Amino acid sequence: MFVLVAALLLLGILLGAVAHVPLPLSLAAAAVIGCWLLIFAVRERASRRLR
C-alpha cells in the first residue's frame, strides 16, 4: 500500500513539473526517454536470443 502511495505521489510530482516546462522541452525529453527504452528493449531481446 505504501509503495502505491509513493508511486502516485511521485507521478503527481513529475506530471506537475512537466506542466510548467515548455512543450518543445517536454517533447524532447519524451523522445530521449523513448529512445532509451527502445535501446534497452532491443538489448534485452538480443541477450535473451543468445542464451
C-alpha atoms as a PDB file:
ATOM      1  CA  MET A   1       0.000   0.000   0.000  1.00  0.00           C
ATOM      2  CA  PHE A   2       2.829   2.383   0.857  1.00  0.00           C
ATOM      3  CA  VAL A   3       4.518   1.611  -2.460  1.00  0.00           C
ATOM      4  CA  LEU A   4       1.339   2.530  -4.327  1.00  0.00           C
ATOM      5  CA  VAL A   5       1.007   5.803  -2.441  1.00  0.00           C
ATOM      6  CA  ALA A   6       4.667   6.640  -3.079  1.00  0.00           C
ATOM      7  CA  ALA A   7       4.321   5.824  -6.782  1.00  0.00           C
ATOM      8  CA  LEU A   8       1.232   8.019  -7.127  1.00  0.00           C
ATOM      9  CA  LEU A   9       2.935  10.849  -5.254  1.00  0.00           C
ATOM     10  CA  LEU A  10       5.998  10.640  -7.489  1.00  0.00           C
ATOM     11  CA  LEU A  11       3.827  10.528 -10.602  1.00  0.00           C
ATOM     12  CA  GLY A  12       1.953  13.615  -9.438  1.00  0.00           C
ATOM     13  CA  ILE A  13       5.186  15.498  -8.830  1.00  0.00           C
ATOM     14  CA  LEU A  14       6.558  14.555 -12.247  1.00  0.00           C
ATOM     15  CA  LEU A  15       3.354  15.483 -14.066  1.00  0.00           C
ATOM     16  CA  GLY A  16       3.210  18.755 -12.184  1.00  0.00           C
ATOM     17  CA  ALA A  17       6.766  19.551 -13.224  1.00  0.00           C
ATOM     18  CA  VAL A  18       6.032  18.753 -16.875  1.00  0.00           C
ATOM     19  CA  ALA A  19       3.051  21.105 -16.828  1.00  0.00           C
ATOM     20  CA  HIS A  20       5.395  24.055 -16.141  1.00  0.00           C
ATOM     21  CA  VAL A  21       8.018  23.143 -18.750  1.00  0.00           C
ATOM     22  CA  PRO A  22       7.673  24.444 -22.327  1.00  0.00           C
ATOM     23  CA  LEU A  23       6.157  21.953 -24.785  1.00  0.00           C
ATOM     24  CA  PRO A  24       9.248  21.546 -27.026  1.00  0.00           C
ATOM     25  CA  LEU A  25      11.370  20.669 -23.998  1.00  0.00           C
ATOM     26  CA  SER A  26       8.784  18.141 -22.816  1.00  0.00           C
ATOM     27  CA  LEU A  27       8.645  16.547 -26.271  1.00  0.00           C
ATOM     28  CA  ALA A  28      12.450  16.393 -26.462  1.00  0.00           C
ATOM     29  CA  ALA A  29      12.631  14.719 -23.054  1.00  0.00           C
ATOM     30  CA  ALA A  30       9.911  12.259 -24.090  1.00  0.00           C
ATOM     31  CA  ALA A  31      11.850  11.430 -27.269  1.00  0.00           C
ATOM     32  CA  VAL A  32      15.063  10.816 -25.303  1.00  0.00           C
ATOM     33  CA  ILE A  33      13.263   8.563 -22.829  1.00  0.00           C
ATOM     34  CA  GLY A  34      11.536   6.697 -25.664  1.00  0.00           C
ATOM     35  CA  CYS A  35      14.848   6.090 -27.452  1.00  0.00           C
ATOM     36  CA  TRP A  36      16.422   4.906 -24.221  1.00  0.00           C
ATOM     37  CA  LEU A  37      13.574   2.432 -23.654  1.00  0.00           C
ATOM     38  CA  LEU A  38      13.776   1.218 -27.250  1.00  0.00           C
ATOM     39  CA  ILE A  39      17.535   0.610 -26.967  1.00  0.00           C
ATOM     40  CA  PHE A  40      17.007  -1.187 -23.666  1.00  0.00           C
ATOM     41  CA  ALA A  41      14.316  -3.433 -25.183  1.00  0.00           C
ATOM     42  CA  VAL A  42      16.486  -4.298 -28.194  1.00  0.00           C
ATOM     43  CA  ARG A  43      19.467  -5.134 -25.971  1.00  0.00           C
ATOM     44  CA  GLU A  44      17.322  -7.298 -23.687  1.00  0.00           C
ATOM     45  CA  ARG A  45      15.818  -9.156 -26.637  1.00  0.00           C
ATOM     46  CA  ALA A  46      19.264  -9.724 -28.165  1.00  0.00           C
ATOM     47  CA  SER A  47      20.680 -11.034 -24.883  1.00  0.00           C
ATOM     48  CA  ARG A  48      17.797 -13.487 -24.490  1.00  0.00           C
ATOM     49  CA  ARG A  49      18.301 -14.829 -28.007  1.00  0.00           C
ATOM     50  CA  LEU A  50      21.966 -15.577 -27.311  1.00  0.00           C
ATOM     51  CA  ARG A  51      21.158 -17.793 -24.321  1.00  0.00           C
END
